[in-house]
Amino acid sequence: MTQYTQTFALLKANFKRDWIKLLVWLLVLAGLFVAVAAKFEGIYGNQQQLNTIAQTLRSPAMKALFGPLAHASISTAVIFATEMAVFWAIFMVIFNYSVAVGASRAQEESGLTEMVLGGHPVGRLAPLSAAALELLIADGCFAIITGIGMTFANMPGSDSNGNWLFAVSLAAVGWTFGMISLIFSQLVADSHNVLIYNYAFFGLTYLVRMMTDVSNPDNTWWSPFGWIEKTDIYIKNNWLPVALFLILGSVAFGIAVALNVNRDIDAGIIQVRGGKRQSRFLRGPATLLFWNQRSISLFWIIGMAVLGASYGSVFNSIGKLVNDSPVIKEVLGSNGVQALEKNQVLSFVGILGIIFTVLAVIGGAMVINHLYTEERRGYLQLVNTTPHSRYYLLATYVLYGVILAVVILYVTLMTTMVVGNSTLAHSLPIRYYNRIFVAMLPVLILFMSTLVCFIGILPKLRSVVWILLGGSFVISYFGRLIDLPNWAMKISPFYWFDKVPIHEINAEPVWWLLVVALVLIVIGFVGYRKRDLA
């Protein structure tokens, strides 16, 4: 037990460091979840409305997004659980990844872990155990807040068992992926690569969940992320997936412990391959950035292409409800059915455009964020001694990040089109995909320029960009489901292009979004030139 000495002292230090981040995450995740639950009763007020949305949720396109809806008695609570489980589980995974990496590998990178273990009577496994306990307590607080809030929301069709199962299962899926993140923190030697491994694993489990939900939901058991659906909340209230999450998380922690005792501090199990002593390619900040980011950039492009292809593979099933309805065929005729099916697919492409844009912004923003990370760690000291201005250095990161985000978005849309058209009897012209691409560009640039502005003047608050991006996505994705007022919908920049690609792009919001982005990016460049470096 001496290896765990001072675990609780380190846990206290972790909370002292992370309390603001944890508080914000919990308020946003738990507060918004409960608020939506409280308002959900007024959205589908009668059984006819419930049956209509249930029919929509049973379509293959919606199965790919939300998971399958059980063929059971439909209530407000059942619809809520179907629409919210998968997406809130995604948010919980992201939250736990952020905390896990910050409490483990990031601590070693900063040199704090070595200082603590080398100069104080602290056990070798105390930092890792403190990180695991921090995740457990944070997720436990989420479960308690959410469970109590859901009880007070009292949705029609809900019950106490289902309320607490929903809360605990969301906390469990987040904690489990956080424990798996601790494994990757032992495998590689820097937080940047830990995040790559984290999201590669999560992306694989998500793709397996999505494809099995559409083809054969029984196979979704093969994806740990898919277990959240198997709880059958408010229907069977199955607690088995929660037990599986706890078992998998405990096994993952045990593996992380075994790996931790067999490696050096600030090193990874996977050894970094030595490179050449010199390279003619490395001639300045731009080539250095490209060389350092080439692997993660390729990972993003290929991963997003696979995601786009996966969504495109279900296009043939989106119009199935229309094609299988003899009443609709008789009323509209073959041409009318074809037009209705086309609009259904285009509406789905519009939803995918928002999802792909959010992910593309994350990919590009991670590059720009790397500028401040390298600045804070002192990696850019040698670069700053060369005859390159700060404008040039910042412009290098910004251009690379924006170009990467644009490439990610376009490649994803194109793979969606190619695979989707291969499954459709009547292919969609490329102009629809180009239309959604052009519509999403000003939104993408706006978020990227917001990040640049924060890095230039208030770099410690740069994480606010993730809140803005997540909030905009939630408003656009769930706004109509929770019946948000029109003024609230307009807060999200995605709102101004919600009719695309079915309708043409409105040029007016394109121009004012670009103007706002230009102002923000100018502020960021001027601020970066004047502020002290970290």
Protein backbone atom coordinates (compact mmCIF):
# COMPACT_ATOMS: atom_id res chain seq x y z
CA MET A 1 0.00 0.00 0.00
CA THR A 2 3.02 2.29 0.22
CA GLN A 3 2.70 2.81 -3.53
CA TYR A 4 -0.59 4.67 -2.89
CA THR A 5 0.77 6.92 -0.11
CA GLN A 6 -0.54 10.51 -0.25
CA THR A 7 -3.18 9.67 -2.86
CA PHE A 8 -5.79 11.82 -1.12
CA ALA A 9 -3.34 14.72 -0.76
CA LEU A 10 -2.80 14.66 -4.53
CA LEU A 11 -6.55 14.33 -5.07
CA LYS A 12 -7.06 17.50 -3.06
CA ALA A 13 -4.41 19.25 -5.16
CA ASN A 14 -6.15 18.06 -8.35
CA PHE A 15 -9.46 19.53 -7.24
CA LYS A 16 -7.75 22.78 -6.29
CA ARG A 17 -6.34 22.96 -9.82
CA ASP A 18 -9.39 21.76 -11.75
CA TRP A 19 -12.34 23.04 -9.71
CA ILE A 20 -13.34 25.72 -12.21
CA LYS A 21 -13.21 23.32 -15.15
CA LEU A 22 -15.15 20.67 -13.25
CA LEU A 23 -17.75 23.17 -12.05
CA VAL A 24 -18.33 24.57 -15.53
CA TRP A 25 -18.59 21.12 -17.10
CA LEU A 26 -21.00 19.86 -14.44
CA LEU A 27 -23.19 22.96 -14.61
CA VAL A 28 -23.37 22.76 -18.39
CA LEU A 29 -23.81 18.99 -18.74
CA ALA A 30 -26.07 18.32 -15.79
CA GLY A 31 -27.89 21.67 -15.83
CA LEU A 32 -28.71 21.61 -19.53
CA PHE A 33 -29.74 17.95 -19.39
CA VAL A 34 -32.19 18.58 -16.57
CA ALA A 35 -33.47 21.78 -18.20
CA VAL A 36 -34.25 19.92 -21.43
CA ALA A 37 -35.98 17.16 -19.46
CA ALA A 38 -38.14 19.71 -17.62
CA LYS A 39 -39.20 21.37 -20.88
CA PHE A 40 -39.67 18.18 -22.88
CA GLU A 41 -43.23 17.52 -21.72
CA GLY A 42 -44.53 20.57 -23.57
CA ILE A 43 -43.00 19.54 -26.91
CA TYR A 44 -44.93 16.33 -27.62
CA GLY A 45 -48.17 17.01 -25.84
CA ASN A 46 -50.39 14.28 -27.25
CA GLN A 47 -50.11 10.68 -28.39
CA GLN A 48 -50.41 11.59 -32.08
CA GLN A 49 -47.32 13.80 -31.86
CA LEU A 50 -45.47 11.07 -29.97
CA ASN A 51 -46.33 8.49 -32.63
CA THR A 52 -45.20 10.84 -35.39
CA ILE A 53 -41.77 11.47 -33.86
CA ALA A 54 -41.46 7.78 -33.00
CA GLN A 55 -41.95 6.88 -36.67
CA THR A 56 -39.21 9.34 -37.59
CA LEU A 57 -36.83 7.99 -34.94
CA ARG A 58 -37.29 4.46 -36.25
CA SER A 59 -35.93 5.42 -39.68
CA PRO A 60 -32.39 4.17 -40.42
CA ALA A 61 -31.05 7.72 -40.62
CA MET A 62 -32.22 8.50 -37.11
CA LYS A 63 -31.00 5.12 -35.86
CA ALA A 64 -27.53 6.08 -37.07
CA LEU A 65 -27.70 9.32 -35.08
CA PHE A 66 -29.65 8.41 -31.94
CA GLY A 67 -29.77 4.63 -31.82
CA PRO A 68 -32.85 2.40 -32.21
CA LEU A 69 -36.21 3.16 -30.64
CA ALA A 70 -37.77 0.12 -29.00
CA HIS A 71 -41.14 -1.04 -30.29
CA ALA A 72 -42.90 -0.46 -27.00
CA SER A 73 -45.44 1.86 -25.49
CA ILE A 74 -44.32 5.35 -26.53
CA SER A 75 -44.21 8.10 -23.93
CA THR A 76 -42.52 11.46 -23.53
CA ALA A 77 -39.84 9.90 -21.32
CA VAL A 78 -39.07 7.14 -23.86
CA ILE A 79 -38.66 9.69 -26.69
CA PHE A 80 -36.44 11.82 -24.44
CA ALA A 81 -34.21 8.86 -23.56
CA THR A 82 -33.87 7.86 -27.21
CA GLU A 83 -32.98 11.36 -28.39
CA MET A 84 -30.58 12.23 -25.58
CA ALA A 85 -28.73 9.07 -24.51
CA VAL A 86 -26.17 8.79 -27.32
CA PHE A 87 -25.37 12.49 -27.61
CA TRP A 88 -25.08 13.10 -23.89
CA ALA A 89 -22.86 10.04 -23.64
CA ILE A 90 -20.59 11.67 -26.24
CA PHE A 91 -20.36 14.82 -24.11
CA MET A 92 -19.56 12.71 -21.03
CA VAL A 93 -16.75 10.93 -22.88
CA ILE A 94 -15.24 14.25 -24.00
CA PHE A 95 -15.49 15.61 -20.44
CA ASN A 96 -13.73 12.58 -18.97
CA TYR A 97 -11.04 12.61 -21.63
CA SER A 98 -10.27 16.23 -20.80
CA VAL A 99 -9.98 15.57 -17.07
CA ALA A 100 -8.09 12.27 -17.44
CA VAL A 101 -5.39 13.66 -19.73
CA GLY A 102 -4.97 16.79 -17.62
CA ALA A 103 -4.60 14.79 -14.40
CA SER A 104 -2.21 12.19 -15.79
CA ARG A 105 0.00 12.72 -18.84
CA ALA A 106 -0.19 16.53 -18.78
CA GLN A 107 1.09 16.49 -15.18
CA GLU A 108 4.10 14.44 -16.22
CA GLU A 109 4.82 16.69 -19.19
CA SER A 110 4.92 19.72 -16.92
CA GLY A 111 7.48 18.00 -14.68
CA LEU A 112 5.18 18.17 -11.65
CA THR A 113 4.84 14.40 -11.26
CA GLU A 114 8.61 13.86 -11.23
CA MET A 115 9.04 16.66 -8.70
CA VAL A 116 6.36 15.24 -6.40
CA LEU A 117 7.59 11.65 -6.58
CA GLY A 118 11.25 12.62 -6.31
CA GLY A 119 11.11 15.12 -3.47
CA HIS A 120 8.20 13.99 -1.28
CA PRO A 121 7.07 10.76 0.45
CA VAL A 122 4.53 10.00 -2.28
CA GLY A 123 3.76 6.51 -3.59
CA ARG A 124 4.48 5.65 -7.20
CA LEU A 125 0.81 4.97 -7.99
CA ALA A 126 -0.58 7.93 -6.02
CA PRO A 127 -0.81 10.35 -9.02
CA LEU A 128 -2.59 7.75 -11.17
CA SER A 129 -4.95 6.81 -8.34
CA ALA A 130 -5.72 10.47 -7.65
CA ALA A 131 -6.62 10.96 -11.30
CA ALA A 132 -8.95 7.93 -11.21
CA LEU A 133 -10.62 9.14 -8.01
CA GLU A 134 -11.07 12.63 -9.45
CA LEU A 135 -12.94 11.13 -12.40
CA LEU A 136 -15.03 8.94 -10.12
CA ILE A 137 -16.08 11.86 -7.90
CA ALA A 138 -16.80 14.18 -10.85
CA ASP A 139 -18.96 11.57 -12.58
CA GLY A 140 -20.63 10.73 -9.27
CA CYS A 141 -21.60 14.38 -8.81
CA PHE A 142 -23.04 14.41 -12.33
CA ALA A 143 -25.11 11.30 -11.54
CA ILE A 144 -26.44 12.75 -8.28
CA ILE A 145 -27.34 16.15 -9.78
CA THR A 146 -28.92 14.60 -12.86
CA GLY A 147 -30.82 11.93 -10.94
CA ILE A 148 -32.35 14.47 -8.55
CA GLY A 149 -33.12 16.86 -11.40
CA MET A 150 -34.81 14.16 -13.47
CA THR A 151 -36.94 13.23 -10.48
CA PHE A 152 -38.19 16.81 -10.16
CA ALA A 153 -38.72 17.06 -13.95
CA ASN A 154 -41.24 14.21 -13.64
CA MET A 155 -41.74 13.57 -17.36
CA PRO A 156 -44.81 11.54 -18.41
CA GLY A 157 -43.76 7.89 -18.64
CA SER A 158 -40.75 8.30 -16.37
CA ASP A 159 -40.12 6.43 -13.14
CA SER A 160 -37.60 6.65 -10.34
CA ASN A 161 -35.72 3.54 -11.48
CA GLY A 162 -35.36 4.89 -15.02
CA ASN A 163 -34.36 8.37 -13.85
CA TRP A 164 -31.47 7.07 -11.77
CA LEU A 165 -30.50 4.50 -14.38
CA PHE A 166 -30.24 7.27 -16.97
CA ALA A 167 -28.09 9.42 -14.67
CA VAL A 168 -25.84 6.58 -13.51
CA SER A 169 -25.39 5.07 -16.99
CA LEU A 170 -24.25 8.40 -18.45
CA ALA A 171 -21.80 8.84 -15.59
CA ALA A 172 -20.63 5.23 -16.01
CA VAL A 173 -19.91 5.50 -19.74
CA GLY A 174 -17.91 8.69 -19.16
CA TRP A 175 -15.94 7.16 -16.25
CA THR A 176 -15.18 4.00 -18.24
CA PHE A 177 -13.74 5.90 -21.20
CA GLY A 178 -11.80 8.04 -18.73
CA MET A 179 -10.21 4.88 -17.29
CA ILE A 180 -9.34 3.73 -20.81
CA SER A 181 -7.74 7.13 -21.36
CA LEU A 182 -5.45 6.41 -18.40
CA ILE A 183 -4.18 3.35 -20.30
CA PHE A 184 -3.23 5.49 -23.28
CA SER A 185 -1.54 7.92 -20.89
CA GLN A 186 0.87 5.10 -20.01
CA LEU A 187 1.43 4.01 -23.59
CA VAL A 188 2.62 7.28 -25.12
CA ALA A 189 4.83 10.05 -23.82
CA ASP A 190 2.84 13.24 -24.50
CA SER A 191 -0.73 14.45 -24.06
CA HIS A 192 -1.08 15.29 -27.74
CA ASN A 193 -0.70 11.65 -28.76
CA VAL A 194 -2.82 10.49 -25.83
CA LEU A 195 -5.71 12.50 -27.29
CA ILE A 196 -5.11 10.91 -30.69
CA TYR A 197 -5.34 7.43 -29.18
CA ASN A 198 -8.37 8.44 -27.10
CA TYR A 199 -10.44 9.73 -29.96
CA ALA A 200 -9.32 6.99 -32.34
CA PHE A 201 -10.64 4.42 -29.86
CA PHE A 202 -13.82 6.39 -29.27
CA GLY A 203 -14.34 6.88 -33.02
CA LEU A 204 -14.01 3.14 -33.59
CA THR A 205 -16.57 2.31 -30.92
CA TYR A 206 -18.92 4.99 -32.26
CA LEU A 207 -18.70 3.68 -35.84
CA VAL A 208 -19.37 0.13 -34.68
CA ARG A 209 -22.39 1.38 -32.72
CA MET A 210 -23.75 3.36 -35.64
CA MET A 211 -23.36 0.62 -38.26
CA THR A 212 -24.70 -2.18 -36.07
CA ASP A 213 -27.68 -0.07 -35.01
CA VAL A 214 -28.69 0.25 -38.65
CA SER A 215 -27.90 -3.32 -39.73
CA ASN A 216 -28.48 -5.47 -36.63
CA PRO A 217 -28.88 -3.85 -33.18
CA ASP A 218 -28.07 -7.17 -31.48
CA ASN A 219 -24.46 -6.71 -32.60
CA THR A 220 -24.22 -3.32 -30.87
CA TRP A 221 -23.10 -5.23 -27.77
CA TRP A 222 -19.68 -5.45 -29.47
CA SER A 223 -19.23 -1.70 -28.97
CA PRO A 224 -18.70 -0.47 -25.39
CA PHE A 225 -20.17 2.87 -26.39
CA GLY A 226 -23.27 1.07 -27.64
CA TRP A 227 -23.99 -0.34 -24.18
CA ILE A 228 -25.64 2.96 -23.24
CA GLU A 229 -28.51 2.05 -25.60
CA LYS A 230 -28.96 -1.38 -24.07
CA THR A 231 -30.18 0.10 -20.80
CA ASP A 232 -33.66 0.42 -22.40
CA ILE A 233 -34.42 3.34 -20.10
CA TYR A 234 -38.10 3.72 -19.10
CA ILE A 235 -38.89 0.47 -20.94
CA LYS A 236 -36.99 -2.43 -19.33
CA ASN A 237 -34.60 -0.35 -17.17
CA ASN A 238 -31.75 -2.81 -17.69
CA TRP A 239 -28.87 -2.22 -15.23
CA LEU A 240 -26.58 -4.83 -16.85
CA PRO A 241 -24.77 -2.27 -19.08
CA VAL A 242 -23.91 -0.22 -15.96
CA ALA A 243 -22.32 -3.30 -14.42
CA LEU A 244 -20.40 -3.90 -17.67
CA PHE A 245 -19.17 -0.30 -17.65
CA LEU A 246 -17.94 -0.67 -14.07
CA ILE A 247 -16.19 -3.96 -14.87
CA LEU A 248 -14.53 -2.59 -18.02
CA GLY A 249 -13.49 0.61 -16.21
CA SER A 250 -12.01 -1.36 -13.31
CA VAL A 251 -10.11 -3.65 -15.70
CA ALA A 252 -8.84 -0.60 -17.60
CA PHE A 253 -7.59 0.96 -14.36
CA GLY A 254 -5.86 -2.29 -13.45
CA ILE A 255 -4.11 -2.32 -16.83
CA ALA A 256 -3.09 1.32 -16.37
CA VAL A 257 -1.59 0.46 -12.97
CA ALA A 258 0.33 -2.49 -14.40
CA LEU A 259 1.72 -0.33 -17.20
CA ASN A 260 2.56 2.53 -14.84
CA VAL A 261 4.85 0.47 -12.60
CA ASN A 262 6.76 -0.80 -15.63
CA ARG A 263 7.76 2.50 -17.21
CA ASP A 264 9.87 5.50 -16.37
CA ILE A 265 8.28 8.79 -15.32
CA ASP A 266 7.71 11.11 -18.31
CA ALA A 267 8.16 8.19 -20.70
CA GLY A 268 5.74 5.92 -22.50
CA ILE A 269 5.59 2.17 -23.05
CA ILE A 270 5.66 2.86 -26.79
CA GLN A 271 9.12 4.23 -27.43
CA VAL A 272 9.54 7.31 -29.62
CA ARG A 273 11.51 6.47 -32.73
CA GLY A 274 14.65 8.52 -33.18
CA GLY A 275 14.71 10.75 -36.23
CA LYS A 276 17.46 12.08 -38.46
CA ARG A 277 19.92 14.54 -37.00
CA GLN A 278 19.10 17.10 -39.65
CA SER A 279 16.58 17.62 -42.39
CA ARG A 280 16.66 19.90 -45.36
CA PHE A 281 12.92 20.12 -45.12
CA LEU A 282 12.91 21.92 -41.74
CA ARG A 283 13.60 25.48 -42.88
CA GLY A 284 11.29 27.52 -40.64
CA PRO A 285 8.17 27.58 -38.44
CA ALA A 286 5.86 26.55 -41.28
CA THR A 287 7.76 23.40 -42.24
CA LEU A 288 8.36 22.57 -38.58
CA LEU A 289 4.63 22.82 -37.87
CA PHE A 290 3.79 20.66 -40.89
CA TRP A 291 6.34 18.05 -39.86
CA ASN A 292 5.01 17.88 -36.32
CA GLN A 293 1.34 17.84 -37.34
CA ARG A 294 1.47 15.61 -40.40
CA SER A 295 0.43 12.42 -38.59
CA ILE A 296 -2.48 13.91 -36.65
CA SER A 297 -3.65 15.77 -39.77
CA LEU A 298 -3.68 12.54 -41.77
CA PHE A 299 -5.50 10.83 -38.91
CA TRP A 300 -8.21 13.51 -38.91
CA ILE A 301 -8.69 13.40 -42.69
CA ILE A 302 -8.86 9.61 -42.92
CA GLY A 303 -10.99 9.27 -39.79
CA MET A 304 -13.51 11.84 -40.96
CA ALA A 305 -13.59 10.27 -44.43
CA VAL A 306 -14.52 6.95 -42.81
CA LEU A 307 -17.20 8.70 -40.73
CA GLY A 308 -18.65 10.35 -43.84
CA ALA A 309 -18.66 7.04 -45.70
CA SER A 310 -20.42 5.38 -42.77
CA TYR A 311 -23.21 7.95 -42.78
CA GLY A 312 -23.45 7.76 -46.56
CA SER A 313 -23.95 4.01 -46.39
CA VAL A 314 -27.40 4.47 -44.79
CA PHE A 315 -28.75 6.88 -47.42
CA ASN A 316 -30.60 4.09 -49.23
CA SER A 317 -32.70 3.47 -46.13
CA ILE A 318 -33.69 7.06 -45.39
CA GLY A 319 -36.54 7.10 -47.88
CA LYS A 320 -37.72 3.63 -46.95
CA LEU A 321 -40.70 4.93 -44.99
CA VAL A 322 -41.86 6.83 -48.07
CA ASN A 323 -41.26 3.97 -50.50
CA ASP A 324 -43.01 1.44 -48.28
CA SER A 325 -46.15 3.53 -47.82
CA PRO A 326 -48.79 2.60 -50.43
CA VAL A 327 -50.93 5.60 -49.39
CA ILE A 328 -48.12 8.07 -50.14
CA LYS A 329 -47.36 6.32 -53.44
CA GLU A 330 -51.00 6.55 -54.50
CA VAL A 331 -51.41 10.21 -53.52
CA LEU A 332 -48.09 11.59 -54.81
CA GLY A 333 -47.26 9.22 -57.65
CA SER A 334 -43.78 8.03 -58.53
CA ASN A 335 -42.40 11.53 -59.22
CA GLY A 336 -43.78 12.89 -55.97
CA VAL A 337 -42.35 10.00 -53.98
CA GLN A 338 -38.95 10.52 -55.61
CA ALA A 339 -39.03 14.24 -54.76
CA LEU A 340 -40.06 13.54 -51.16
CA GLU A 341 -37.29 10.95 -50.76
CA LYS A 342 -34.80 13.42 -52.20
CA ASN A 343 -35.82 16.10 -49.69
CA GLN A 344 -35.50 13.62 -46.85
CA VAL A 345 -31.94 12.77 -47.87
CA LEU A 346 -31.05 16.44 -48.35
CA SER A 347 -32.40 17.28 -44.89
CA PHE A 348 -30.19 14.56 -43.47
CA VAL A 349 -27.21 15.96 -45.41
CA GLY A 350 -27.93 19.35 -43.83
CA ILE A 351 -27.78 17.80 -40.33
CA LEU A 352 -24.56 16.00 -41.24
CA GLY A 353 -23.10 19.29 -42.48
CA ILE A 354 -23.45 20.74 -38.96
CA ILE A 355 -21.89 17.66 -37.34
CA PHE A 356 -19.00 17.59 -39.82
CA THR A 357 -18.37 21.32 -39.37
CA VAL A 358 -18.17 20.99 -35.58
CA LEU A 359 -15.66 18.16 -35.92
CA ALA A 360 -13.66 20.06 -38.57
CA VAL A 361 -13.46 23.10 -36.27
CA ILE A 362 -12.15 20.86 -33.49
CA GLY A 363 -9.48 19.43 -35.80
CA GLY A 364 -8.29 22.84 -36.98
CA ALA A 365 -8.59 24.49 -33.57
CA MET A 366 -6.35 21.86 -32.00
CA VAL A 367 -3.55 23.03 -34.31
CA ILE A 368 -4.02 26.69 -33.38
CA ASN A 369 -4.27 25.76 -29.70
CA HIS A 370 -0.93 24.03 -30.06
CA LEU A 371 0.69 27.44 -30.51
CA TYR A 372 -0.11 28.46 -26.95
CA THR A 373 0.69 24.99 -25.59
CA GLU A 374 4.16 25.08 -27.15
CA GLU A 375 4.62 28.67 -26.05
CA ARG A 376 3.74 27.77 -22.44
CA ARG A 377 6.10 24.80 -22.41
CA GLY A 378 8.98 26.82 -23.83
CA TYR A 379 9.22 24.89 -27.09
CA LEU A 380 9.07 28.09 -29.18
CA GLN A 381 11.90 29.93 -27.46
CA LEU A 382 14.38 28.97 -30.16
CA VAL A 383 11.87 29.82 -32.90
CA ASN A 384 11.26 33.26 -31.37
CA THR A 385 14.99 34.05 -31.51
CA THR A 386 14.98 33.72 -35.31
CA PRO A 387 14.22 36.70 -37.57
CA HIS A 388 10.51 35.87 -37.82
CA SER A 389 7.85 38.24 -36.53
CA ARG A 390 5.08 37.13 -34.19
CA TYR A 391 2.62 37.92 -36.98
CA TYR A 392 4.34 35.33 -39.16
CA LEU A 393 4.37 32.72 -36.40
CA LEU A 394 0.70 33.17 -35.54
CA ALA A 395 -0.27 33.32 -39.24
CA THR A 396 1.52 30.01 -39.80
CA TYR A 397 -0.56 28.22 -37.19
CA VAL A 398 -3.79 29.94 -38.19
CA LEU A 399 -3.41 29.18 -41.89
CA TYR A 400 -2.50 25.56 -41.23
CA GLY A 401 -5.43 25.13 -38.83
CA VAL A 402 -7.96 26.75 -41.18
CA ILE A 403 -6.72 24.82 -44.22
CA LEU A 404 -6.85 21.56 -42.28
CA ALA A 405 -10.40 22.28 -41.09
CA VAL A 406 -11.53 23.13 -44.62
CA VAL A 407 -9.94 19.99 -46.06
CA ILE A 408 -11.52 17.84 -43.33
CA LEU A 409 -14.97 19.28 -44.04
CA TYR A 410 -14.74 18.92 -47.82
CA VAL A 411 -13.26 15.42 -47.78
CA THR A 412 -15.95 14.25 -45.37
CA LEU A 413 -18.76 15.67 -47.51
CA MET A 414 -17.28 14.14 -50.65
CA THR A 415 -16.94 10.66 -49.16
CA THR A 416 -20.50 10.97 -47.88
CA MET A 417 -21.63 11.87 -51.39
CA VAL A 418 -19.70 9.07 -53.12
CA VAL A 419 -20.84 6.32 -50.77
CA GLY A 420 -24.34 7.76 -50.41
CA ASN A 421 -24.90 8.02 -54.16
CA SER A 422 -23.71 4.45 -54.61
CA THR A 423 -26.64 3.31 -52.44
CA LEU A 424 -29.33 5.57 -53.97
CA ALA A 425 -31.40 4.75 -57.03
CA HIS A 426 -31.30 8.46 -57.97
CA SER A 427 -27.98 10.08 -57.18
CA LEU A 428 -27.75 13.55 -55.66
CA PRO A 429 -25.77 16.06 -57.76
CA ILE A 430 -22.54 17.38 -56.30
CA ARG A 431 -23.97 20.92 -56.23
CA TYR A 432 -25.95 20.11 -53.08
CA TYR A 433 -22.80 19.06 -51.25
CA ASN A 434 -20.91 22.08 -52.54
CA ARG A 435 -23.77 24.25 -51.31
CA ILE A 436 -23.59 22.93 -47.76
CA PHE A 437 -19.79 23.22 -47.89
CA VAL A 438 -19.93 26.88 -48.89
CA ALA A 439 -22.63 27.59 -46.28
CA MET A 440 -20.57 26.06 -43.48
CA LEU A 441 -17.32 27.87 -44.40
CA PRO A 442 -18.19 31.23 -42.74
CA VAL A 443 -19.34 29.37 -39.60
CA LEU A 444 -16.07 27.43 -39.52
CA ILE A 445 -14.00 30.58 -40.01
CA LEU A 446 -15.98 32.42 -37.31
CA PHE A 447 -15.14 29.84 -34.63
CA MET A 448 -11.51 29.66 -35.72
CA SER A 449 -11.15 33.44 -35.60
CA THR A 450 -12.76 33.49 -32.14
CA LEU A 451 -10.05 31.13 -30.95
CA VAL A 452 -7.36 33.33 -32.52
CA CYS A 453 -8.82 36.34 -30.70
CA PHE A 454 -8.63 34.56 -27.34
CA ILE A 455 -5.07 33.32 -27.95
CA GLY A 456 -4.06 36.87 -28.84
CA ILE A 457 -5.53 38.70 -25.86
CA LEU A 458 -6.75 36.18 -23.22
CA PRO A 459 -5.10 32.82 -23.92
CA LYS A 460 -6.08 31.32 -20.57
CA LEU A 461 -9.75 31.72 -21.55
CA ARG A 462 -9.35 30.05 -24.94
CA SER A 463 -11.44 27.08 -23.73
CA VAL A 464 -14.49 29.36 -23.95
CA VAL A 465 -14.43 28.58 -27.67
CA TRP A 466 -15.37 24.97 -26.92
CA ILE A 467 -18.34 26.19 -24.87
CA LEU A 468 -19.46 28.44 -27.73
CA LEU A 469 -19.03 25.65 -30.27
CA GLY A 470 -20.84 23.10 -28.11
CA GLY A 471 -23.61 25.55 -27.26
CA SER A 472 -24.16 26.41 -30.93
CA PHE A 473 -24.31 22.74 -31.82
CA VAL A 474 -26.80 21.96 -29.04
CA ILE A 475 -29.00 24.89 -30.04
CA SER A 476 -29.02 23.88 -33.70
CA TYR A 477 -29.39 20.17 -33.07
CA PHE A 478 -31.83 20.14 -30.17
CA GLY A 479 -33.34 23.62 -30.44
CA ARG A 480 -36.41 22.60 -32.38
CA LEU A 481 -36.79 19.40 -30.38
CA ILE A 482 -37.02 21.39 -27.14
CA ASP A 483 -39.01 24.19 -28.78
CA LEU A 484 -36.53 27.01 -28.20
CA PRO A 485 -37.82 30.49 -29.11
CA ASN A 486 -36.69 31.92 -32.42
CA TRP A 487 -34.41 34.54 -30.83
CA ALA A 488 -32.52 31.78 -29.00
CA MET A 489 -32.12 29.78 -32.20
CA LYS A 490 -30.55 32.81 -33.90
CA ILE A 491 -27.70 32.80 -31.36
CA SER A 492 -26.20 29.83 -33.17
CA PRO A 493 -24.46 30.72 -36.46
CA PHE A 494 -25.68 27.40 -37.85
CA TYR A 495 -29.25 28.70 -37.67
CA TRP A 496 -28.74 31.05 -40.61
CA PHE A 497 -28.10 28.13 -42.97
CA ASP A 498 -30.59 25.56 -41.65
CA LYS A 499 -32.45 25.49 -44.99
CA VAL A 500 -29.32 24.50 -46.90
CA PRO A 501 -28.84 22.41 -49.06
CA ILE A 502 -32.54 22.16 -49.99
CA HIS A 503 -32.63 25.94 -50.58
CA GLU A 504 -30.04 28.34 -51.91
CA ILE A 505 -27.60 30.09 -49.57
CA ASN A 506 -28.66 33.46 -48.19
CA ALA A 507 -25.68 35.72 -48.94
CA GLU A 508 -26.41 38.28 -46.21
CA PRO A 509 -25.42 36.15 -43.16
CA VAL A 510 -22.36 34.93 -45.07
CA TRP A 511 -21.01 38.47 -45.33
CA TRP A 512 -21.70 39.60 -41.78
CA LEU A 513 -20.28 36.38 -40.33
CA LEU A 514 -17.11 36.93 -42.35
CA VAL A 515 -16.92 40.57 -41.22
CA VAL A 516 -17.22 39.53 -37.57
CA ALA A 517 -14.57 36.86 -38.14
CA LEU A 518 -12.23 39.40 -39.74
CA VAL A 519 -12.59 41.78 -36.79
CA LEU A 520 -11.90 38.99 -34.31
CA ILE A 521 -8.84 37.76 -36.15
CA VAL A 522 -7.40 41.29 -36.40
CA ILE A 523 -7.88 41.74 -32.64
CA GLY A 524 -6.15 38.41 -32.08
CA PHE A 525 -3.13 39.29 -34.22
CA VAL A 526 -2.70 42.72 -32.65
CA GLY A 527 -3.07 41.27 -29.15
CA TYR A 528 -0.57 38.49 -29.84
CA ARG A 529 1.96 41.02 -31.10
CA LYS A 530 1.67 43.13 -27.94
CA ARG A 531 1.20 40.65 -25.09
CA ASP A 532 3.99 39.00 -23.12
CA LEU A 533 4.74 35.43 -24.07
CA ALA A 534 4.03 32.77 -21.46
